[in-house]
């Protein structure tokens, strides 16, 4: 079970985008994340003669950021927080914040 999943709100703790918050768009297999409006890069795209509808020119898009450079955002404290796992009585495993023990997937 991963500590950070698609749709979670995270805050960047290291790098060029330090301090920015965003939601996780996707989790890549190699331990990197795509986060909305974080680690933005410019990409030069040529005009495609087969598909004129496709955007061309200089396009801004999100670049992957390593999972160690983000923390899950805790709304109760207003800061990034570490995540641990807890097993309920029925055997279900859930994610909880370490600072206050509150469930992430509530």
PDB file of N, CA and C in Angstrom:
ATOM      1  N   UNK A   1       0.852  -1.184   0.000  1.00  0.00           N
ATOM      2  CA  UNK A   1       0.000   0.000   0.000  1.00  0.00           C
ATOM      3  C   UNK A   1       0.890   1.236   0.000  1.00  0.00           C
ATOM      4  N   UNK A   2       0.593   2.170  -0.885  1.00  0.00           N
ATOM      5  CA  UNK A   2       1.416   3.374  -1.001  1.00  0.00           C
ATOM      6  C   UNK A   2       0.988   4.431   0.000  1.00  0.00           C
ATOM      7  N   UNK A   3       1.940   5.233   0.412  1.00  0.00           N
ATOM      8  CA  UNK A   3       1.647   6.312   1.348  1.00  0.00           C
ATOM      9  C   UNK A   3       0.938   7.477   0.666  1.00  0.00           C
ATOM     10  N   UNK A   4       1.233   7.692  -0.616  1.00  0.00           N
ATOM     11  CA  UNK A   4       0.597   8.774  -1.371  1.00  0.00           C
ATOM     12  C   UNK A   4      -0.097   8.170  -2.578  1.00  0.00           C
ATOM     13  N   UNK A   5      -1.353   8.575  -2.791  1.00  0.00           N
ATOM     14  CA  UNK A   5      -2.162   8.037  -3.879  1.00  0.00           C
ATOM     15  C   UNK A   5      -2.658   9.164  -4.782  1.00  0.00           C
ATOM     16  N   UNK A   6      -3.201   8.778  -5.927  1.00  0.00           N
ATOM     17  CA  UNK A   6      -3.784   9.725  -6.861  1.00  0.00           C
ATOM     18  C   UNK A   6      -4.957  10.442  -6.186  1.00  0.00           C
ATOM     19  N   UNK A   7      -4.985  11.775  -6.337  1.00  0.00           N
ATOM     20  CA  UNK A   7      -6.058  12.569  -5.753  1.00  0.00           C
ATOM     21  C   UNK A   7      -5.713  13.172  -4.403  1.00  0.00           C
ATOM     22  N   UNK A   8      -4.637  12.717  -3.758  1.00  0.00           N
ATOM     23  CA  UNK A   8      -4.227  13.280  -2.468  1.00  0.00           C
ATOM     24  C   UNK A   8      -3.705  14.692  -2.649  1.00  0.00           C
ATOM     25  N   UNK A   9      -3.874  15.523  -1.616  1.00  0.00           N
ATOM     26  CA  UNK A   9      -3.301  16.864  -1.635  1.00  0.00           C
ATOM     27  C   UNK A   9      -1.954  16.807  -0.930  1.00  0.00           C
ATOM     28  N   UNK A  10      -0.907  17.277  -1.636  1.00  0.00           N
ATOM     29  CA  UNK A  10       0.442  17.220  -1.098  1.00  0.00           C
ATOM     30  C   UNK A  10       1.053  18.610  -1.091  1.00  0.00           C
ATOM     31  N   UNK A  11       2.115  18.771  -0.300  1.00  0.00           N
ATOM     32  CA  UNK A  11       2.887  20.002  -0.262  1.00  0.00           C
ATOM     33  C   UNK A  11       4.340  19.636  -0.553  1.00  0.00           C
ATOM     34  N   UNK A  12       5.001  20.456  -1.368  1.00  0.00           N
ATOM     35  CA  UNK A  12       6.384  20.195  -1.759  1.00  0.00           C
ATOM     36  C   UNK A  12       7.304  20.689  -0.648  1.00  0.00           C
ATOM     37  N   UNK A  13       8.251  19.847  -0.222  1.00  0.00           N
ATOM     38  CA  UNK A  13       9.144  20.203   0.883  1.00  0.00           C
ATOM     39  C   UNK A  13      10.575  20.455   0.430  1.00  0.00           C
ATOM     40  N   UNK A  14      10.895  20.171  -0.843  1.00  0.00           N
ATOM     41  CA  UNK A  14      12.259  20.382  -1.335  1.00  0.00           C
ATOM     42  C   UNK A  14      12.215  20.671  -2.822  1.00  0.00           C
ATOM     43  N   UNK A  15      13.181  21.458  -3.275  1.00  0.00           N
ATOM     44  CA  UNK A  15      13.303  21.722  -4.703  1.00  0.00           C
ATOM     45  C   UNK A  15      12.816  23.102  -5.089  1.00  0.00           C
ATOM     46  N   UNK A  16      12.733  23.322  -6.371  1.00  0.00           N
ATOM     47  CA  UNK A  16      12.383  24.615  -6.942  1.00  0.00           C
ATOM     48  C   UNK A  16      10.960  25.050  -6.581  1.00  0.00           C
ATOM     49  N   UNK A  17      10.053  24.109  -6.420  1.00  0.00           N
ATOM     50  CA  UNK A  17       8.650  24.412  -6.123  1.00  0.00           C
ATOM     51  C   UNK A  17       8.327  24.288  -4.636  1.00  0.00           C
ATOM     52  N   UNK A  18       9.317  24.446  -3.778  1.00  0.00           N
ATOM     53  CA  UNK A  18       9.133  24.266  -2.338  1.00  0.00           C
ATOM     54  C   UNK A  18       8.024  25.164  -1.807  1.00  0.00           C
ATOM     55  N   UNK A  19       7.132  24.575  -1.002  1.00  0.00           N
ATOM     56  CA  UNK A  19       6.058  25.329  -0.379  1.00  0.00           C
ATOM     57  C   UNK A  19       4.751  25.335  -1.157  1.00  0.00           C
ATOM     58  N   UNK A  20       4.740  24.858  -2.389  1.00  0.00           N
ATOM     59  CA  UNK A  20       3.507  24.863  -3.173  1.00  0.00           C
ATOM     60  C   UNK A  20       2.701  23.597  -2.901  1.00  0.00           C
ATOM     61  N   UNK A  21       1.377  23.768  -2.958  1.00  0.00           N
ATOM     62  CA  UNK A  21       0.457  22.662  -2.738  1.00  0.00           C
ATOM     63  C   UNK A  21      -0.223  22.301  -4.044  1.00  0.00           C
ATOM     64  N   UNK A  22      -0.588  21.053  -4.172  1.00  0.00           N
ATOM     65  CA  UNK A  22      -1.311  20.601  -5.341  1.00  0.00           C
ATOM     66  C   UNK A  22      -1.819  19.189  -5.134  1.00  0.00           C
ATOM     67  N   UNK A  23      -2.707  18.775  -6.022  1.00  0.00           N
ATOM     68  CA  UNK A  23      -3.236  17.414  -5.921  1.00  0.00           C
ATOM     69  C   UNK A  23      -2.464  16.500  -6.864  1.00  0.00           C
ATOM     70  N   UNK A  24      -2.328  15.246  -6.489  1.00  0.00           N
ATOM     71  CA  UNK A  24      -1.573  14.266  -7.260  1.00  0.00           C
ATOM     72  C   UNK A  24      -2.393  13.858  -8.476  1.00  0.00           C
ATOM     73  N   UNK A  25      -1.818  14.060  -9.666  1.00  0.00           N
ATOM     74  CA  UNK A  25      -2.486  13.667 -10.911  1.00  0.00           C
ATOM     75  C   UNK A  25      -2.264  12.200 -11.217  1.00  0.00           C
ATOM     76  N   UNK A  26      -1.032  11.721 -11.005  1.00  0.00           N
ATOM     77  CA  UNK A  26      -0.742  10.309 -11.218  1.00  0.00           C
ATOM     78  C   UNK A  26       0.500   9.910 -10.442  1.00  0.00           C
ATOM     79  N   UNK A  27       0.572   8.619 -10.140  1.00  0.00           N
ATOM     80  CA  UNK A  27       1.723   8.044  -9.449  1.00  0.00           C
ATOM     81  C   UNK A  27       2.427   7.136 -10.450  1.00  0.00           C
ATOM     82  N   UNK A  28       3.706   7.421 -10.715  1.00  0.00           N
ATOM     83  CA  UNK A  28       4.481   6.623 -11.656  1.00  0.00           C
ATOM     84  C   UNK A  28       5.139   5.458 -10.921  1.00  0.00           C
ATOM     85  N   UNK A  29       5.519   4.433 -11.669  1.00  0.00           N
ATOM     86  CA  UNK A  29       6.055   3.208 -11.063  1.00  0.00           C
ATOM     87  C   UNK A  29       7.418   3.389 -10.417  1.00  0.00           C
ATOM     88  N   UNK A  30       8.195   4.364 -10.874  1.00  0.00           N
ATOM     89  CA  UNK A  30       9.562   4.514 -10.363  1.00  0.00           C
ATOM     90  C   UNK A  30       9.657   5.439  -9.156  1.00  0.00           C
ATOM     91  N   UNK A  31       8.547   5.663  -8.441  1.00  0.00           N
ATOM     92  CA  UNK A  31       8.587   6.459  -7.220  1.00  0.00           C
ATOM     93  C   UNK A  31       8.490   7.951  -7.456  1.00  0.00           C
ATOM     94  N   UNK A  32       7.921   8.351  -8.577  1.00  0.00           N
ATOM     95  CA  UNK A  32       7.733   9.766  -8.859  1.00  0.00           C
ATOM     96  C   UNK A  32       6.250  10.065  -9.019  1.00  0.00           C
ATOM     97  N   UNK A  33       5.900  11.335  -8.854  1.00  0.00           N
ATOM     98  CA  UNK A  33       4.514  11.778  -8.926  1.00  0.00           C
ATOM     99  C   UNK A  33       4.367  12.906  -9.921  1.00  0.00           C
ATOM    100  N   UNK A  34       3.195  13.017 -10.520  1.00  0.00           N
ATOM    101  CA  UNK A  34       2.825  14.211 -11.276  1.00  0.00           C
ATOM    102  C   UNK A  34       1.843  14.966 -10.399  1.00  0.00           C
ATOM    103  N   UNK A  35       2.204  16.204 -10.031  1.00  0.00           N
ATOM    104  CA  UNK A  35       1.383  17.013  -9.143  1.00  0.00           C
ATOM    105  C   UNK A  35       0.915  18.237  -9.908  1.00  0.00           C
ATOM    106  N   UNK A  36      -0.355  18.587  -9.738  1.00  0.00           N
ATOM    107  CA  UNK A  36      -0.974  19.701 -10.447  1.00  0.00           C
ATOM    108  C   UNK A  36      -0.268  21.026 -10.127  1.00  0.00           C
ATOM    109  N   UNK A  37       0.216  21.726 -11.156  1.00  0.00           N
ATOM    110  CA  UNK A  37       0.889  23.035 -11.071  1.00  0.00           C
ATOM    111  C   UNK A  37       2.129  23.023 -10.187  1.00  0.00           C
ATOM    112  N   UNK A  38       2.851  21.915 -10.152  1.00  0.00           N
ATOM    113  CA  UNK A  38       4.103  21.816  -9.404  1.00  0.00           C
ATOM    114  C   UNK A  38       5.179  21.308 -10.346  1.00  0.00           C
ATOM    115  N   UNK A  39       6.400  21.869 -10.251  1.00  0.00           N
ATOM    116  CA  UNK A  39       7.539  21.476 -11.074  1.00  0.00           C
ATOM    117  C   UNK A  39       7.227  21.666 -12.557  1.00  0.00           C
ATOM    118  N   UNK A  40       6.740  22.853 -12.897  1.00  0.00           N
ATOM    119  CA  UNK A  40       6.335  23.155 -14.269  1.00  0.00           C
ATOM    120  C   UNK A  40       7.575  23.341 -15.155  1.00  0.00           C
ATOM    121  N   UNK A  41       7.500  22.790 -16.373  1.00  0.00           N
ATOM    122  CA  UNK A  41       8.565  22.934 -17.357  1.00  0.00           C
ATOM    123  C   UNK A  41       7.971  23.464 -18.647  1.00  0.00           C
ATOM    124  N   UNK A  42       8.822  23.980 -19.513  1.00  0.00           N
ATOM    125  CA  UNK A  42       8.397  24.438 -20.839  1.00  0.00           C
ATOM    126  C   UNK A  42       8.883  23.414 -21.855  1.00  0.00           C
ATOM    127  N   UNK A  43       8.004  23.026 -22.765  1.00  0.00           N
ATOM    128  CA  UNK A  43       8.344  22.058 -23.786  1.00  0.00           C
ATOM    129  C   UNK A  43       8.057  22.678 -25.148  1.00  0.00           C
ATOM    130  N   UNK A  44       9.020  22.590 -26.055  1.00  0.00           N
ATOM    131  CA  UNK A  44       8.869  23.115 -27.412  1.00  0.00           C
ATOM    132  C   UNK A  44       8.289  22.011 -28.288  1.00  0.00           C
ATOM    133  N   UNK A  45       7.113  22.270 -28.870  1.00  0.00           N
ATOM    134  CA  UNK A  45       6.405  21.261 -29.652  1.00  0.00           C
ATOM    135  C   UNK A  45       6.226  21.779 -31.071  1.00  0.00           C
ATOM    136  N   UNK A  46       6.630  20.963 -32.056  1.00  0.00           N
ATOM    137  CA  UNK A  46       6.469  21.318 -33.463  1.00  0.00           C
ATOM    138  C   UNK A  46       5.022  21.137 -33.898  1.00  0.00           C
ATOM    139  N   UNK A  47       4.672  21.789 -35.005  1.00  0.00           N
ATOM    140  CA  UNK A  47       3.350  21.618 -35.592  1.00  0.00           C
ATOM    141  C   UNK A  47       3.293  20.235 -36.238  1.00  0.00           C
ATOM    142  N   UNK A  48       2.234  19.498 -35.929  1.00  0.00           N
ATOM    143  CA  UNK A  48       2.048  18.163 -36.499  1.00  0.00           C
ATOM    144  C   UNK A  48       1.175  18.298 -37.746  1.00  0.00           C
ATOM    145  N   UNK A  49       1.710  17.999 -38.951  1.00  0.00           N
ATOM    146  CA  UNK A  49       0.910  18.166 -40.167  1.00  0.00           C
ATOM    147  C   UNK A  49      -0.267  17.190 -40.254  1.00  0.00           C
ATOM    148  N   UNK A  50      -0.178  16.053 -39.568  1.00  0.00           N
ATOM    149  CA  UNK A  50      -1.261  15.077 -39.583  1.00  0.00           C
ATOM    150  C   UNK A  50      -2.381  15.426 -38.610  1.00  0.00           C
ATOM    151  N   UNK A  51      -2.071  16.236 -37.590  1.00  0.00           N
ATOM    152  CA  UNK A  51      -3.061  16.586 -36.578  1.00  0.00           C
ATOM    153  C   UNK A  51      -2.959  18.085 -36.275  1.00  0.00           C
ATOM    154  N   UNK A  52      -3.608  18.936 -37.075  1.00  0.00           N
ATOM    155  CA  UNK A  52      -3.488  20.384 -36.863  1.00  0.00           C
ATOM    156  C   UNK A  52      -4.184  20.877 -35.592  1.00  0.00           C
ATOM    157  N   UNK A  53      -5.055  20.055 -34.993  1.00  0.00           N
ATOM    158  CA  UNK A  53      -5.744  20.444 -33.765  1.00  0.00           C
ATOM    159  C   UNK A  53      -4.814  20.399 -32.545  1.00  0.00           C
ATOM    160  N   UNK A  54      -3.751  19.597 -32.633  1.00  0.00           N
ATOM    161  CA  UNK A  54      -2.823  19.436 -31.520  1.00  0.00           C
ATOM    162  C   UNK A  54      -2.079  20.752 -31.282  1.00  0.00           C
ATOM    163  N   UNK A  55      -1.954  21.189 -30.016  1.00  0.00           N
ATOM    164  CA  UNK A  55      -1.273  22.463 -29.749  1.00  0.00           C
ATOM    165  C   UNK A  55       0.210  22.395 -30.103  1.00  0.00           C
ATOM    166  N   UNK A  56       0.726  23.521 -30.575  1.00  0.00           N
ATOM    167  CA  UNK A  56       2.141  23.606 -30.919  1.00  0.00           C
ATOM    168  C   UNK A  56       2.711  24.877 -30.318  1.00  0.00           C
ATOM    169  N   UNK A  57       4.028  25.008 -30.368  1.00  0.00           N
ATOM    170  CA  UNK A  57       4.696  26.163 -29.777  1.00  0.00           C
ATOM    171  C   UNK A  57       5.327  25.774 -28.454  1.00  0.00           C
ATOM    172  N   UNK A  58       5.373  26.715 -27.526  1.00  0.00           N
ATOM    173  CA  UNK A  58       5.958  26.468 -26.209  1.00  0.00           C
ATOM    174  C   UNK A  58       4.820  26.152 -25.246  1.00  0.00           C
ATOM    175  N   UNK A  59       4.840  24.939 -24.698  1.00  0.00           N
ATOM    176  CA  UNK A  59       3.765  24.465 -23.833  1.00  0.00           C
ATOM    177  C   UNK A  59       4.309  24.251 -22.428  1.00  0.00           C
ATOM    178  N   UNK A  60       3.572  24.724 -21.413  1.00  0.00           N
ATOM    179  CA  UNK A  60       3.935  24.466 -20.019  1.00  0.00           C
ATOM    180  C   UNK A  60       3.231  23.201 -19.561  1.00  0.00           C
ATOM    181  N   UNK A  61       3.989  22.317 -18.908  1.00  0.00           N
ATOM    182  CA  UNK A  61       3.400  21.088 -18.390  1.00  0.00           C
ATOM    183  C   UNK A  61       4.123  20.665 -17.125  1.00  0.00           C
ATOM    184  N   UNK A  62       3.499  19.756 -16.382  1.00  0.00           N
ATOM    185  CA  UNK A  62       4.080  19.273 -15.132  1.00  0.00           C
ATOM    186  C   UNK A  62       5.135  18.213 -15.408  1.00  0.00           C
ATOM    187  N   UNK A  63       6.250  18.320 -14.711  1.00  0.00           N
ATOM    188  CA  UNK A  63       7.288  17.295 -14.772  1.00  0.00           C
ATOM    189  C   UNK A  63       7.176  16.447 -13.506  1.00  0.00           C
ATOM    190  N   UNK A  64       7.603  15.194 -13.568  1.00  0.00           N
ATOM    191  CA  UNK A  64       7.516  14.342 -12.375  1.00  0.00           C
ATOM    192  C   UNK A  64       8.421  14.848 -11.249  1.00  0.00           C
ATOM    193  N   UNK A  65       7.982  14.640 -10.030  1.00  0.00           N
ATOM    194  CA  UNK A  65       8.748  14.997  -8.840  1.00  0.00           C
ATOM    195  C   UNK A  65       8.830  13.745  -7.965  1.00  0.00           C
ATOM    196  N   UNK A  66       9.975  13.539  -7.329  1.00  0.00           N
ATOM    197  CA  UNK A  66      10.170  12.325  -6.536  1.00  0.00           C
ATOM    198  C   UNK A  66       9.297  12.368  -5.287  1.00  0.00           C
ATOM    199  N   UNK A  67       8.826  11.214  -4.877  1.00  0.00           N
ATOM    200  CA  UNK A  67       7.908  11.108  -3.749  1.00  0.00           C
ATOM    201  C   UNK A  67       8.562  11.562  -2.437  1.00  0.00           C
ATOM    202  N   UNK A  68       9.886  11.508  -2.350  1.00  0.00           N
ATOM    203  CA  UNK A  68      10.567  11.946  -1.126  1.00  0.00           C
ATOM    204  C   UNK A  68      10.571  13.461  -0.974  1.00  0.00           C
ATOM    205  N   UNK A  69      10.234  14.181  -2.022  1.00  0.00           N
ATOM    206  CA  UNK A  69      10.225  15.649  -1.979  1.00  0.00           C
ATOM    207  C   UNK A  69       8.850  16.223  -1.690  1.00  0.00           C
ATOM    208  N   UNK A  70       7.876  15.378  -1.368  1.00  0.00           N
ATOM    209  CA  UNK A  70       6.538  15.860  -1.028  1.00  0.00           C
ATOM    210  C   UNK A  70       6.068  15.205   0.256  1.00  0.00           C
ATOM    211  N   UNK A  71       5.123  15.875   0.939  1.00  0.00           N
ATOM    212  CA  UNK A  71       4.470  15.320   2.120  1.00  0.00           C
ATOM    213  C   UNK A  71       2.972  15.474   1.940  1.00  0.00           C
ATOM    214  N   UNK A  72       2.229  14.555   2.504  1.00  0.00           N
ATOM    215  CA  UNK A  72       0.780  14.631   2.474  1.00  0.00           C
ATOM    216  C   UNK A  72       0.341  15.820   3.314  1.00  0.00           C
ATOM    217  N   UNK A  73      -0.602  16.625   2.790  1.00  0.00           N
ATOM    218  CA  UNK A  73      -1.052  17.828   3.490  1.00  0.00           C
ATOM    219  C   UNK A  73      -2.158  17.467   4.462  1.00  0.00           C
ATOM    220  N   UNK A  74      -1.983  17.888   5.718  1.00  0.00           N
ATOM    221  CA  UNK A  74      -2.970  17.646   6.768  1.00  0.00           C
ATOM    222  C   UNK A  74      -3.769  18.924   6.974  1.00  0.00           C
ATOM    223  N   UNK A  75      -5.067  18.890   6.668  1.00  0.00           N
ATOM    224  CA  UNK A  75      -5.911  20.078   6.803  1.00  0.00           C
ATOM    225  C   UNK A  75      -6.096  20.500   8.252  1.00  0.00           C
ATOM    226  N   UNK A  76      -6.044  19.561   9.190  1.00  0.00           N
ATOM    227  CA  UNK A  76      -6.238  19.876  10.602  1.00  0.00           C
ATOM    228  C   UNK A  76      -5.099  20.738  11.140  1.00  0.00           C
ATOM    229  N   UNK A  77      -3.869  20.445  10.738  1.00  0.00           N
ATOM    230  CA  UNK A  77      -2.719  21.200  11.232  1.00  0.00           C
ATOM    231  C   UNK A  77      -2.281  22.293  10.270  1.00  0.00           C
ATOM    232  N   UNK A  78      -2.650  22.172   8.997  1.00  0.00           N
ATOM    233  CA  UNK A  78      -2.252  23.167   7.999  1.00  0.00           C
ATOM    234  C   UNK A  78      -0.821  22.989   7.531  1.00  0.00           C
ATOM    235  N   UNK A  79      -0.238  21.815   7.771  1.00  0.00           N
ATOM    236  CA  UNK A  79       1.142  21.540   7.380  1.00  0.00           C
ATOM    237  C   UNK A  79       1.228  20.175   6.721  1.00  0.00           C
ATOM    238  N   UNK A  80       2.420  19.870   6.196  1.00  0.00           N
ATOM    239  CA  UNK A  80       2.677  18.535   5.695  1.00  0.00           C
ATOM    240  C   UNK A  80       2.850  17.587   6.858  1.00  0.00           C
ATOM    241  N   UNK A  81       2.479  16.332   6.654  1.00  0.00           N
ATOM    242  CA  UNK A  81       2.523  15.379   7.755  1.00  0.00           C
ATOM    243  C   UNK A  81       2.973  14.013   7.248  1.00  0.00           C
ATOM    244  N   UNK A  82       3.630  13.251   8.127  1.00  0.00           N
ATOM    245  CA  UNK A  82       4.019  11.887   7.800  1.00  0.00           C
ATOM    246  C   UNK A  82       2.794  10.979   7.884  1.00  0.00           C
ATOM    247  N   UNK A  83       2.882   9.859   7.179  1.00  0.00           N
ATOM    248  CA  UNK A  83       1.764   8.921   7.115  1.00  0.00           C
ATOM    249  C   UNK A  83       2.221   7.566   7.624  1.00  0.00           C
ATOM    250  N   UNK A  84       1.383   6.926   8.431  1.00  0.00           N
ATOM    251  CA  UNK A  84       1.630   5.554   8.848  1.00  0.00           C
ATOM    252  C   UNK A  84       0.371   4.743   8.566  1.00  0.00           C
ATOM    253  N   UNK A  85       0.434   3.455   8.852  1.00  0.00           N
ATOM    254  CA  UNK A  85      -0.685   2.570   8.570  1.00  0.00           C
ATOM    255  C   UNK A  85      -1.222   1.995   9.868  1.00  0.00           C
ATOM    256  N   UNK A  86      -2.522   1.756   9.873  1.00  0.00           N
ATOM    257  CA  UNK A  86      -3.186   1.190  11.040  1.00  0.00           C
ATOM    258  C   UNK A  86      -4.150   0.121  10.547  1.00  0.00           C
ATOM    259  N   UNK A  87      -4.207  -0.987  11.249  1.00  0.00           N
ATOM    260  CA  UNK A  87      -5.131  -2.058  10.903  1.00  0.00           C
ATOM    261  C   UNK A  87      -6.338  -1.983  11.829  1.00  0.00           C
ATOM    262  N   UNK A  88      -7.529  -1.939  11.236  1.00  0.00           N
ATOM    263  CA  UNK A  88      -8.762  -1.887  12.010  1.00  0.00           C
ATOM    264  C   UNK A  88      -9.138  -3.276  12.511  1.00  0.00           C
ATOM    265  N   UNK A  89     -10.193  -3.350  13.356  1.00  0.00           N
ATOM    266  CA  UNK A  89     -10.619  -4.623  13.935  1.00  0.00           C
ATOM    267  C   UNK A  89     -11.066  -5.611  12.865  1.00  0.00           C
ATOM    268  N   UNK A  90     -11.660  -5.097  11.787  1.00  0.00           N
ATOM    269  CA  UNK A  90     -12.147  -5.981  10.724  1.00  0.00           C
ATOM    270  C   UNK A  90     -11.046  -6.412   9.759  1.00  0.00           C
ATOM    271  N   UNK A  91      -9.796  -6.002  10.006  1.00  0.00           N
ATOM    272  CA  UNK A  91      -8.663  -6.407   9.178  1.00  0.00           C
ATOM    273  C   UNK A  91      -8.355  -5.443   8.054  1.00  0.00           C
ATOM    274  N   UNK A  92      -9.104  -4.346   7.941  1.00  0.00           N
ATOM    275  CA  UNK A  92      -8.869  -3.361   6.884  1.00  0.00           C
ATOM    276  C   UNK A  92      -7.694  -2.471   7.272  1.00  0.00           C
ATOM    277  N   UNK A  93      -6.811  -2.223   6.323  1.00  0.00           N
ATOM    278  CA  UNK A  93      -5.626  -1.402   6.549  1.00  0.00           C
ATOM    279  C   UNK A  93      -5.895   0.004   6.028  1.00  0.00           C
ATOM    280  N   UNK A  94      -5.687   1.034   6.873  1.00  0.00           N
ATOM    281  CA  UNK A  94      -5.935   2.418   6.471  1.00  0.00           C
ATOM    282  C   UNK A  94      -4.696   3.263   6.730  1.00  0.00           C
ATOM    283  N   UNK A  95      -4.644   4.423   6.060  1.00  0.00           N
ATOM    284  CA  UNK A  95      -3.562   5.378   6.281  1.00  0.00           C
ATOM    285  C   UNK A  95      -3.996   6.378   7.347  1.00  0.00           C
ATOM    286  N   UNK A  96      -3.083   6.728   8.259  1.00  0.00           N
ATOM    287  CA  UNK A  96      -3.360   7.712   9.306  1.00  0.00           C
ATOM    288  C   UNK A  96      -2.200   8.700   9.384  1.00  0.00           C
ATOM    289  N   UNK A  97      -2.509   9.939   9.785  1.00  0.00           N
ATOM    290  CA  UNK A  97      -1.471  10.940  10.018  1.00  0.00           C
ATOM    291  C   UNK A  97      -0.764  10.621  11.328  1.00  0.00           C
ATOM    292  N   UNK A  98       0.552  10.779  11.347  1.00  0.00           N
ATOM    293  CA  UNK A  98       1.311  10.443  12.547  1.00  0.00           C
ATOM    294  C   UNK A  98       1.130  11.474  13.651  1.00  0.00           C
ATOM    295  N   UNK A  99       0.878  12.745  13.320  1.00  0.00           N
ATOM    296  CA  UNK A  99       0.816  13.779  14.341  1.00  0.00           C
ATOM    297  C   UNK A  99      -0.430  13.652  15.220  1.00  0.00           C
ATOM    298  N   UNK A 100      -1.596  13.374  14.613  1.00  0.00           N
ATOM    299  CA  UNK A 100      -2.809  13.323  15.400  1.00  0.00           C
ATOM    300  C   UNK A 100      -3.555  11.999  15.302  1.00  0.00           C
ATOM    301  N   UNK A 101      -3.083  11.052  14.506  1.00  0.00           N
ATOM    302  CA  UNK A 101      -3.713   9.749  14.398  1.00  0.00           C
ATOM    303  C   UNK A 101      -5.009   9.745  13.623  1.00  0.00           C
ATOM    304  N   UNK A 102      -5.328  10.848  12.979  1.00  0.00           N
ATOM    305  CA  UNK A 102      -6.558  10.962  12.191  1.00  0.00           C
ATOM    306  C   UNK A 102      -6.434  10.193  10.884  1.00  0.00           C
ATOM    307  N   UNK A 103      -7.513   9.559  10.451  1.00  0.00           N
ATOM    308  CA  UNK A 103      -7.502   8.763   9.235  1.00  0.00           C
ATOM    309  C   UNK A 103      -7.416   9.674   8.001  1.00  0.00           C
ATOM    310  N   UNK A 104      -6.605   9.294   7.024  1.00  0.00           N
ATOM    311  CA  UNK A 104      -6.452  10.056   5.790  1.00  0.00           C
ATOM    312  C   UNK A 104      -7.636   9.789   4.878  1.00  0.00           C
ATOM    313  N   UNK A 105      -8.052   8.529   4.777  1.00  0.00           N
ATOM    314  CA  UNK A 105      -9.119   8.120   3.869  1.00  0.00           C
ATOM    315  C   UNK A 105     -10.471   8.150   4.571  1.00  0.00           C
ATOM    316  N   UNK A 106     -10.816   9.273   5.143  1.00  0.00           N
ATOM    317  CA  UNK A 106     -12.084   9.343   5.882  1.00  0.00           C
ATOM    318  C   UNK A 106     -13.264   9.601   4.974  1.00  0.00           C
TER     319      UNK A 106
END
